[in-house]
Protein backbone atom coordinates (compact mmCIF):
# COMPACT_ATOMS: atom_id res chain seq x y z
CA UNK A 1 148.12 75.24 199.90
CA UNK A 2 148.40 73.02 202.98
CA UNK A 3 147.20 73.93 206.48
CA UNK A 4 146.32 72.36 209.83
CA UNK A 5 142.88 72.71 211.42
CA UNK A 6 142.98 74.76 214.60
CA UNK A 7 139.25 74.74 215.31
CA UNK A 8 136.00 73.73 213.63
CA UNK A 9 132.40 74.33 214.74
CA UNK A 10 130.04 71.84 213.09
CA UNK A 11 127.01 73.97 213.97
CA UNK A 12 128.26 76.96 211.95
CA UNK A 13 130.49 74.92 209.59
CA UNK A 14 133.26 77.47 210.13
CA UNK A 15 136.61 77.48 211.87
CA UNK A 16 140.25 78.37 211.44
CA UNK A 17 143.46 76.81 210.21
CA UNK A 18 147.17 77.33 210.82
CA UNK A 19 149.38 77.78 207.79
CA UNK A 20 152.78 76.11 207.96
CA UNK A 21 154.34 79.45 208.99
CA UNK A 22 152.00 79.62 212.01
CA UNK A 23 149.60 82.20 210.58
CA UNK A 24 146.02 81.60 211.68
CA UNK A 25 143.39 82.03 208.96
CA UNK A 26 139.64 81.81 209.57
CA UNK A 27 137.25 80.16 207.12
CA UNK A 28 133.50 80.43 206.82
CA UNK A 29 130.71 78.02 205.99
CA UNK A 30 130.93 78.83 202.27
CA UNK A 31 134.54 77.55 202.11
CA UNK A 32 133.64 74.40 204.04
CA UNK A 33 130.49 73.77 201.96
CA UNK A 34 132.46 74.18 198.70
CA UNK A 35 134.39 70.99 199.49
CA UNK A 36 133.21 67.39 199.95
CA UNK A 37 133.67 67.22 203.73
CA UNK A 38 131.15 66.62 206.51
CA UNK A 39 133.40 67.24 209.53
CA UNK A 40 136.87 68.43 210.52
CA UNK A 41 138.85 67.90 213.72
CA UNK A 42 141.66 69.88 215.33
CA UNK A 43 145.10 68.87 214.08
CA UNK A 44 143.82 67.49 210.79
CA UNK A 45 145.83 68.39 207.67
CA UNK A 46 143.78 70.06 204.96
CA UNK A 47 144.23 71.63 201.59
CA UNK A 48 142.83 75.12 201.16
CA UNK A 49 142.27 77.51 198.28
CA UNK A 50 142.45 81.23 198.93
CA UNK A 51 141.23 84.24 196.98
CA UNK A 52 143.38 87.05 198.31
CA UNK A 53 143.19 86.63 202.07
CA UNK A 54 139.89 84.70 202.12
CA UNK A 55 139.70 80.90 202.24
CA UNK A 56 137.30 79.76 199.52
CA UNK A 57 137.70 75.97 199.67
CA UNK A 58 138.65 73.43 202.35
CA UNK A 59 139.25 69.72 201.81
CA UNK A 60 141.41 66.91 203.18
CA UNK A 61 145.04 67.11 202.15
CA UNK A 62 144.68 63.77 200.33
CA UNK A 63 141.86 65.08 198.10
CA UNK A 64 142.61 67.12 194.96
CA UNK A 65 142.09 70.87 195.03
CA UNK A 66 139.86 72.42 192.34
CA UNK A 67 141.50 74.02 189.34
């Protein structure tokens, strides 16, 4: 699934993204740490994996998603 970064806090490694329909979804450090990234910036396109309503993986949209 594709999303756009709304906010990211490098100290906590958490933030939130906007889905293409405008829904804001938060993600925690575990989702960020599951991917290969070191930093995100607002407006950046990312790929996310969700388990129910929880983001479990965040990576750049140009990187493959797991599974």
